[in-house]
Protein backbone atom coordinates (compact mmCIF):
# COMPACT_ATOMS: atom_id res chain seq x y z
CA UNK A 1 248.65 100.98 45.92
CA UNK A 2 249.17 102.62 42.46
CA UNK A 3 246.29 102.59 40.04
CA UNK A 4 245.51 103.47 36.45
CA UNK A 5 243.32 106.38 35.51
CA UNK A 6 240.75 105.95 32.76
CA UNK A 7 242.64 105.65 29.47
CA UNK A 8 246.03 105.02 31.10
CA UNK A 9 248.22 101.98 30.50
CA UNK A 10 251.44 100.58 31.92
CA UNK A 11 253.82 97.83 30.81
CA UNK A 12 255.40 95.14 32.97
CA UNK A 13 258.00 92.53 32.03
CA UNK A 14 256.76 88.94 32.28
CA UNK A 15 258.15 85.64 31.02
CA UNK A 16 257.73 86.57 27.34
CA UNK A 17 260.28 88.56 25.34
CA UNK A 18 257.88 91.50 25.00
CA UNK A 19 256.40 93.16 28.11
CA UNK A 20 252.72 92.76 29.01
CA UNK A 21 250.49 95.85 28.91
CA UNK A 22 247.80 96.66 31.47
CA UNK A 23 245.04 99.14 30.60
CA UNK A 24 242.05 100.85 32.21
CA UNK A 25 239.33 101.70 29.68
CA UNK A 26 236.19 103.03 31.30
CA UNK A 27 236.83 101.08 34.48
CA UNK A 28 237.46 97.79 32.63
CA UNK A 29 240.99 96.61 33.38
CA UNK A 30 242.85 94.32 31.01
CA UNK A 31 246.26 92.72 30.60
CA UNK A 32 247.88 91.18 27.54
CA UNK A 33 249.32 88.24 29.51
CA UNK A 34 248.05 84.70 28.66
CA UNK A 35 246.55 84.23 32.13
CA UNK A 36 244.18 87.19 31.55
CA UNK A 37 243.47 86.50 27.86
CA UNK A 38 242.58 82.82 28.20
CA UNK A 39 239.88 83.11 30.83
CA UNK A 40 236.28 82.26 29.91
CA UNK A 41 234.88 84.99 32.19
CA UNK A 42 233.43 88.27 30.96
CA UNK A 43 236.26 90.77 30.46
CA UNK A 44 235.10 93.04 33.31
CA UNK A 45 235.44 90.09 35.76
CA UNK A 46 238.93 88.97 34.73
CA UNK A 47 242.07 89.59 36.73
CA UNK A 48 245.64 88.26 36.78
CA UNK A 49 248.72 88.37 38.97
CA UNK A 50 250.00 91.52 37.23
CA UNK A 51 246.81 93.48 37.94
CA UNK A 52 246.78 92.13 41.49
CA UNK A 53 250.37 93.25 42.01
CA UNK A 54 249.60 96.69 40.57
CA UNK A 55 246.33 97.41 42.38
CA UNK A 56 246.37 95.05 45.36
CA UNK A 57 244.15 92.05 46.06
CA UNK A 58 241.54 94.06 47.97
CA UNK A 59 241.00 96.51 45.10
CA UNK A 60 240.83 93.71 42.53
CA UNK A 61 238.41 91.68 44.62
CA UNK A 62 236.14 94.69 44.98
CA UNK A 63 236.34 95.41 41.26
CA UNK A 64 235.49 91.89 39.99
CA UNK A 65 232.92 91.35 42.74
CA UNK A 66 234.16 87.90 43.76
CA UNK A 67 236.81 86.21 45.85
CA UNK A 68 240.12 85.95 44.02
CA UNK A 69 241.66 82.52 43.34
CA UNK A 70 244.69 81.50 45.35
CA UNK A 71 247.92 82.66 43.76
CA UNK A 72 249.73 79.79 42.01
CA UNK A 73 252.72 78.34 43.84
CA UNK A 74 254.38 77.18 40.61
CA UNK A 75 253.92 77.15 36.86
CA UNK A 76 252.13 73.81 37.08
CA UNK A 77 249.23 75.57 38.79
CA UNK A 78 248.42 77.63 35.69
CA UNK A 79 251.09 80.24 36.35
CA UNK A 80 253.42 82.02 33.93
CA UNK A 81 254.26 80.36 30.66
CA UNK A 82 257.73 78.76 30.62
CA UNK A 83 260.61 80.73 29.03
CA UNK A 84 260.51 79.19 25.56
CA UNK A 85 262.31 80.03 22.33
CA UNK A 86 259.70 80.52 19.59
CA UNK A 87 260.26 80.34 15.84
CA UNK A 88 259.84 82.89 13.09
CA UNK A 89 258.92 81.82 9.55
CA UNK A 90 261.63 81.46 6.93
CA UNK A 91 261.19 84.10 4.24
CA UNK A 92 262.37 81.79 1.46
CA UNK A 93 265.38 83.94 0.66
CA UNK A 94 267.65 84.09 3.72
CA UNK A 95 270.77 81.95 3.37
CA UNK A 96 270.65 78.82 5.52
CA UNK A 97 273.98 77.17 4.66
CA UNK A 98 275.39 75.59 7.81
CA UNK A 99 272.17 75.87 9.79
CA UNK A 100 270.93 72.88 11.76
CA UNK A 101 267.91 71.24 10.17
CA UNK A 102 265.31 68.95 11.78
CA UNK A 103 261.76 67.77 11.14
CA UNK A 104 259.00 69.98 12.56
CA UNK A 105 256.96 67.65 14.77
CA UNK A 106 253.17 68.00 14.91
CA UNK A 107 252.98 67.22 18.62
CA UNK A 108 252.51 69.23 21.81
CA UNK A 109 255.31 71.53 22.96
CA UNK A 110 256.42 70.64 26.49
CA UNK A 111 258.99 72.22 28.79
CA UNK A 112 260.55 69.80 31.29
CA UNK A 113 261.51 71.84 34.37
CA UNK A 114 263.29 68.97 36.10
CA UNK A 115 260.16 67.74 37.87
CA UNK A 116 257.20 67.97 35.49
CA UNK A 117 256.11 68.90 31.97
CA UNK A 118 254.76 72.43 31.47
CA UNK A 119 252.69 73.58 28.49
CA UNK A 120 253.29 76.77 26.53
CA UNK A 121 250.54 78.41 28.59
CA UNK A 122 252.06 77.39 31.93
CA UNK A 123 249.82 74.42 32.73
CA UNK A 124 251.12 71.06 33.94
CA UNK A 125 250.85 67.90 31.87
CA UNK A 126 250.10 65.06 34.27
CA UNK A 127 252.47 62.41 32.92
CA UNK A 128 252.80 59.12 34.84
CA UNK A 129 255.93 58.63 36.96
CA UNK A 130 257.01 55.73 34.75
CA UNK A 131 256.87 58.05 31.73
CA UNK A 132 259.24 60.63 33.27
CA UNK A 133 261.64 58.04 34.74
CA UNK A 134 265.23 58.79 33.74
CA UNK A 135 264.68 62.43 32.72
CA UNK A 136 267.33 64.75 34.19
CA UNK A 137 266.87 67.50 36.74
CA UNK A 138 268.03 70.00 34.13
CA UNK A 139 265.45 71.83 32.02
CA UNK A 140 264.66 70.37 28.60
CA UNK A 141 262.66 71.65 25.65
CA UNK A 142 260.85 69.20 23.41
CA UNK A 143 257.66 67.83 21.97
CA UNK A 144 255.23 65.25 23.32
CA UNK A 145 254.75 63.35 20.09
CA UNK A 146 252.86 60.25 18.99
CA UNK A 147 253.18 60.04 15.21
CA UNK A 148 252.83 62.11 12.07
CA UNK A 149 249.26 63.31 11.47
CA UNK A 150 248.29 62.28 15.02
CA UNK A 151 248.15 65.70 16.66
CA UNK A 152 244.55 65.46 17.88
CA UNK A 153 245.12 62.05 19.45
CA UNK A 154 248.29 63.32 21.14
CA UNK A 155 246.39 66.26 22.63
CA UNK A 156 243.60 64.01 23.89
CA UNK A 157 246.16 61.91 25.78
CA UNK A 158 248.44 64.54 27.30
CA UNK A 159 245.66 66.86 28.49
CA UNK A 160 244.10 64.15 30.68
CA UNK A 161 244.80 64.17 34.42
CA UNK A 162 244.40 60.47 35.19
CA UNK A 163 248.01 59.47 34.28
CA UNK A 164 246.61 56.68 32.15
CA UNK A 165 248.36 53.95 30.18
CA UNK A 166 247.53 55.89 26.99
CA UNK A 167 250.84 57.71 27.62
CA UNK A 168 252.66 54.53 26.52
CA UNK A 169 252.01 55.55 22.91
CA UNK A 170 253.65 58.98 23.41
CA UNK A 171 257.34 59.91 23.24
CA UNK A 172 259.08 63.00 24.57
CA UNK A 173 261.32 64.12 21.71
CA UNK A 174 263.96 66.52 23.07
CA UNK A 175 265.60 69.17 20.92
CA UNK A 176 267.14 71.67 23.37
CA UNK A 177 268.41 72.36 26.89
CA UNK A 178 267.21 75.93 27.62
CA UNK A 179 268.98 76.58 30.93
CA UNK A 180 272.45 75.35 29.94
CA UNK A 181 273.63 78.84 28.96
CA UNK A 182 275.76 77.62 26.04
CA UNK A 183 275.55 77.72 22.25
CA UNK A 184 273.25 75.38 20.36
CA UNK A 185 275.88 72.81 19.43
CA UNK A 186 276.85 72.37 23.10
CA UNK A 187 273.19 72.21 24.15
CA UNK A 188 272.48 69.59 21.49
CA UNK A 189 275.47 67.53 22.62
CA UNK A 190 274.22 67.75 26.22
CA UNK A 191 270.78 66.47 25.18
CA UNK A 192 272.27 63.56 23.28
CA UNK A 193 274.62 62.69 26.16
CA UNK A 194 272.04 62.84 28.95
CA UNK A 195 269.50 60.81 26.96
CA UNK A 196 272.11 58.17 26.14
CA UNK A 197 273.41 58.03 29.72
CA UNK A 198 270.12 57.77 31.63
CA UNK A 199 268.17 55.97 28.85
CA UNK A 200 264.68 57.28 29.74
CA UNK A 201 262.28 54.72 28.22
CA UNK A 202 259.89 57.26 26.73
CA UNK A 203 262.31 60.01 25.63
CA UNK A 204 264.63 60.46 22.67
CA UNK A 205 266.94 63.14 21.30
CA UNK A 206 265.61 64.74 18.11
CA UNK A 207 268.00 64.17 15.15
CA UNK A 208 269.53 67.18 13.39
CA UNK A 209 271.63 67.53 10.25
CA UNK A 210 273.55 70.41 8.73
CA UNK A 211 271.84 72.17 5.83
CA UNK A 212 274.05 72.44 2.73
CA UNK A 213 271.97 75.15 1.08
CA UNK A 214 268.52 76.00 -0.25
CA UNK A 215 268.41 73.05 -2.68
CA UNK A 216 269.24 70.67 0.17
CA UNK A 217 266.53 72.35 2.25
CA UNK A 218 263.93 71.93 -0.51
CA UNK A 219 264.84 68.27 -0.97
CA UNK A 220 264.54 67.54 2.75
CA UNK A 221 261.26 69.47 2.98
CA UNK A 222 259.81 67.46 0.08
CA UNK A 223 260.94 64.20 1.71
CA UNK A 224 259.39 65.08 5.09
CA UNK A 225 256.09 66.27 3.61
CA UNK A 226 255.87 63.18 1.40
CA UNK A 227 255.79 60.94 4.50
CA UNK A 228 253.20 63.11 6.27
CA UNK A 229 255.51 65.47 8.14
CA UNK A 230 254.55 69.05 8.90
CA UNK A 231 257.72 70.79 7.74
CA UNK A 232 261.23 71.65 8.93
CA UNK A 233 262.92 73.67 11.66
CA UNK A 234 266.18 75.56 11.13
CA UNK A 235 268.50 76.53 13.97
CA UNK A 236 271.25 79.10 13.53
CA UNK A 237 274.69 77.67 14.36
CA UNK A 238 276.32 78.89 17.60
CA UNK A 239 273.06 80.59 18.64
CA UNK A 240 271.96 81.18 22.23
CA UNK A 241 268.58 80.12 23.63
CA UNK A 242 266.63 83.38 23.31
CA UNK A 243 263.27 83.80 25.06
CA UNK A 244 260.34 84.61 22.80
CA UNK A 245 260.27 84.97 19.00
CA UNK A 246 263.73 84.86 17.44
CA UNK A 247 265.14 84.69 13.93
CA UNK A 248 267.73 82.19 15.21
CA UNK A 249 264.95 79.58 14.94
CA UNK A 250 262.98 79.35 11.69
CA UNK A 251 260.10 77.13 10.62
CA UNK A 252 259.84 76.05 7.00
CA UNK A 253 256.62 74.84 5.35
CA UNK A 254 255.20 74.74 1.86
CA UNK A 255 252.11 76.39 3.30
CA UNK A 256 251.76 78.84 6.16
CA UNK A 257 249.53 78.11 9.12
CA UNK A 258 247.87 80.12 11.86
CA UNK A 259 245.18 79.97 14.56
CA UNK A 260 241.70 81.50 14.68
CA UNK A 261 238.72 81.35 16.99
CA UNK A 262 235.42 79.90 15.76
CA UNK A 263 232.63 82.51 15.83
CA UNK A 264 229.94 80.66 13.91
CA UNK A 265 228.90 77.84 11.57
CA UNK A 266 227.70 78.13 7.97
CA UNK A 267 225.19 75.43 6.97
CA UNK A 268 226.22 73.14 4.14
CA UNK A 269 224.56 72.78 0.75
CA UNK A 270 224.43 69.96 -1.76
CA UNK A 271 225.90 66.77 -0.32
CA UNK A 272 226.72 68.66 2.89
CA UNK A 273 223.14 69.82 3.43
CA UNK A 274 222.12 69.36 7.06
CA UNK A 275 225.66 69.61 8.41
CA UNK A 276 228.61 72.00 8.47
CA UNK A 277 229.41 73.88 5.28
CA UNK A 278 232.14 76.18 6.64
CA UNK A 279 233.47 77.59 9.88
CA UNK A 280 233.27 81.34 10.40
CA UNK A 281 236.48 82.27 12.22
CA UNK A 282 238.25 85.32 13.59
CA UNK A 283 242.00 85.84 13.89
CA UNK A 284 243.69 87.69 16.75
CA UNK A 285 243.75 90.94 14.74
CA UNK A 286 239.98 90.79 14.16
CA UNK A 287 240.11 89.52 10.56
CA UNK A 288 237.09 87.30 9.83
CA UNK A 289 236.67 84.76 7.04
CA UNK A 290 235.29 81.29 6.31
CA UNK A 291 237.15 77.98 6.33
CA UNK A 292 235.28 75.45 4.20
CA UNK A 293 237.76 72.71 3.28
CA UNK A 294 239.86 70.14 5.08
CA UNK A 295 237.03 68.58 7.11
CA UNK A 296 236.22 64.90 7.36
CA UNK A 297 232.58 63.78 7.23
CA UNK A 298 232.68 63.19 10.99
CA UNK A 299 233.99 66.71 11.58
CA UNK A 300 231.21 68.17 9.44
CA UNK A 301 228.66 66.22 11.47
CA UNK A 302 230.23 67.38 14.76
CA UNK A 303 232.11 70.61 13.98
CA UNK A 304 234.35 72.51 16.42
CA UNK A 305 232.23 74.48 18.84
CA UNK A 306 231.85 78.25 18.81
CA UNK A 307 234.63 79.70 20.95
CA UNK A 308 237.15 76.94 20.27
CA UNK A 309 240.50 77.69 18.60
CA UNK A 310 241.39 75.96 15.34
CA UNK A 311 244.60 75.65 13.36
CA UNK A 312 244.33 76.22 9.61
CA UNK A 313 246.70 76.16 6.63
CA UNK A 314 246.73 78.78 3.89
CA UNK A 315 248.76 79.78 0.84
CA UNK A 316 249.22 83.53 1.32
CA UNK A 317 247.48 86.69 2.53
CA UNK A 318 245.37 88.78 0.18
CA UNK A 319 245.94 92.53 -0.14
CA UNK A 320 243.24 92.94 2.50
CA UNK A 321 245.07 90.65 4.91
CA UNK A 322 242.70 87.69 4.52
CA UNK A 323 244.23 84.18 4.24
CA UNK A 324 243.83 82.73 0.73
CA UNK A 325 242.70 79.11 0.30
CA UNK A 326 242.39 78.37 4.05
CA UNK A 327 242.09 74.68 4.94
CA UNK A 328 241.14 73.24 8.33
CA UNK A 329 243.80 71.24 10.22
CA UNK A 330 242.33 70.65 13.67
CA UNK A 331 241.26 72.06 17.03
CA UNK A 332 244.14 73.50 19.05
CA UNK A 333 243.46 72.61 22.69
CA UNK A 334 247.04 73.36 23.76
CA UNK A 335 247.14 76.98 22.64
CA UNK A 336 245.46 80.19 23.62
CA UNK A 337 244.26 83.01 21.39
CA UNK A 338 242.91 86.44 22.16
CA UNK A 339 240.91 87.87 19.28
CA UNK A 340 239.35 91.29 19.59
CA UNK A 341 236.23 91.12 21.79
CA UNK A 342 233.52 91.17 19.13
CA UNK A 343 230.22 89.39 19.69
CA UNK A 344 230.18 85.92 18.16
CA UNK A 345 227.68 85.16 15.47
CA UNK A 346 225.02 82.67 16.45
CA UNK A 347 226.14 79.08 15.86
CA UNK A 348 224.09 76.24 14.47
CA UNK A 349 225.72 73.15 15.94
CA UNK A 350 224.38 69.79 14.91
CA UNK A 351 222.16 68.45 17.66
CA UNK A 352 221.72 64.91 16.39
CA UNK A 353 224.19 62.25 17.50
CA UNK A 354 226.39 62.33 20.56
CA UNK A 355 228.83 65.18 21.27
CA UNK A 356 231.36 65.22 24.10
CA UNK A 357 232.91 68.24 25.80
CA UNK A 358 235.61 68.38 28.47
CA UNK A 359 236.78 70.98 30.96
CA UNK A 360 240.31 70.48 32.31
CA UNK A 361 241.73 73.30 34.42
CA UNK A 362 243.74 72.98 37.63
CA UNK A 363 241.82 70.57 39.87
CA UNK A 364 238.86 70.33 37.47
CA UNK A 365 238.70 67.38 35.07
CA UNK A 366 235.08 67.09 33.92
CA UNK A 367 233.14 65.87 30.91
CA UNK A 368 229.71 66.72 29.51
CA UNK A 369 227.93 64.78 26.76
CA UNK A 370 224.73 65.56 24.90
CA UNK A 371 222.67 63.59 22.40
CA UNK A 372 219.34 64.34 20.73
CA UNK A 373 216.99 61.64 19.50
CA UNK A 374 213.65 62.72 18.13
CA UNK A 375 211.95 64.81 20.81
CA UNK A 376 214.32 63.81 23.62
CA UNK A 377 217.62 65.36 24.72
CA UNK A 378 219.92 63.31 26.95
CA UNK A 379 222.80 64.77 28.93
CA UNK A 380 225.54 62.82 30.75
CA UNK A 381 228.11 64.59 32.93
CA UNK A 382 230.67 64.00 35.66
CA UNK A 383 234.41 63.61 36.27
CA UNK A 384 236.56 62.10 33.54
CA UNK A 385 237.11 58.41 34.19
CA UNK A 386 233.66 57.91 35.78
CA UNK A 387 230.25 56.96 34.36
CA UNK A 388 228.81 60.24 35.61
CA UNK A 389 225.12 61.10 35.87
CA UNK A 390 222.48 61.01 33.13
CA UNK A 391 219.29 63.02 32.63
CA UNK A 392 216.76 63.05 29.79
CA UNK A 393 214.27 65.76 28.91
CA UNK A 394 211.32 65.47 26.48
CA UNK A 395 209.94 68.23 24.22
CA UNK A 396 206.74 68.72 22.19
CA UNK A 397 208.55 68.37 18.85
CA UNK A 398 211.96 67.73 17.27
CA UNK A 399 212.60 71.42 16.56
CA UNK A 400 212.19 72.35 20.21
CA UNK A 401 214.52 69.53 21.24
CA UNK A 402 217.24 70.67 18.82
CA UNK A 403 216.96 74.30 19.94
CA UNK A 404 217.32 73.21 23.56
CA UNK A 405 220.40 71.12 22.69
CA UNK A 406 221.99 74.07 20.86
CA UNK A 407 221.30 76.32 23.86
CA UNK A 408 222.98 73.87 26.24
CA UNK A 409 226.03 73.56 23.96
CA UNK A 410 226.42 77.35 23.82
CA UNK A 411 226.20 77.56 27.61
CA UNK A 412 228.86 74.90 28.12
CA UNK A 413 231.33 76.34 25.59
CA UNK A 414 230.86 79.77 27.18
CA UNK A 415 231.98 78.23 30.47
CA UNK A 416 235.20 76.92 28.90
CA UNK A 417 234.21 73.40 27.90
CA UNK A 418 235.99 72.22 24.72
CA UNK A 419 234.57 69.66 22.30
CA UNK A 420 236.62 66.49 21.87
CA UNK A 421 236.41 63.61 19.43
């Protein structure tokens, strides 16, 4: 088998538009693919199918010091991300006359492969059979959407694995047919025709209209934002379905948004004393800053855990590349992020009250809850949908109980558990 010498790197084409890069730095192998980046293991113990193909399973197993997981049979088993067209941001100047305009939905992107829904990261959404009834065998691109300003609730429903009746509140809004191999107008017509013909009860074609110019765009953007919408999407006429980032698809918002990983909590002052003041976050390029606005009282009492990925809105970047006026939007459980591997600052999560964490990955669908009351810490855990098991531990004083609760929270988030409302 080939191998990489210390300091060497090699690129391999995956499902994204840009190739993935594998490196060997001092015996620590890495890959830029989502499957490697989004693991909760220490970096020296991570592997992926690209490293396994390069070095061989035996060499990788010896390197990470553990048995390798079975290779996924399909994308639904946490395999490659689906071949999606991703948007660039409109620069505010490019002419958009004749482009197709639609509302940007604040839901969860979902690729229908003819049998199941696949997330951007390649994981399956476990929708009930009655929800997918009537969907075609052809691939579709759309959004699992509940309502405007209901992103967090949508995520909490679609990431479950129990195929619950909560899905009845969700709709699959379809805006493209990726595998058709035709221009956008023909793909849009196909979507409208197949939805009308088979009448799937929980799916709808996303409406589009032709943009008459920048003034028309501004008017439509103002209308959408006034009713709680996130923004607009623009599609170039006669464009093909390109894989990866493309200027044939543009997103338009009054404010920009991005993702960052939480690396710590700043305590509040004044009326926020005793709870969250601001989140310390880190972007993928290593830029660190604080996000101190946009939180509800409940979110300040139970802030996103260290290690979770948040979405934030900002006005512009400073000369130093730091987002100006960042405002918290929500926790992004459907996306992955790979910031530079710097040690996280110690967090100070609130230990009072009940906090719930979930771990959903492949065949795992578990919850873990913790609450602190005086000198006692109570933990409840088990599979989602069950009552689970409960244990309570007593401590000499309240401070010791809170420190123990914080320690347990850090341990769980390090293992990949994500806090939920």
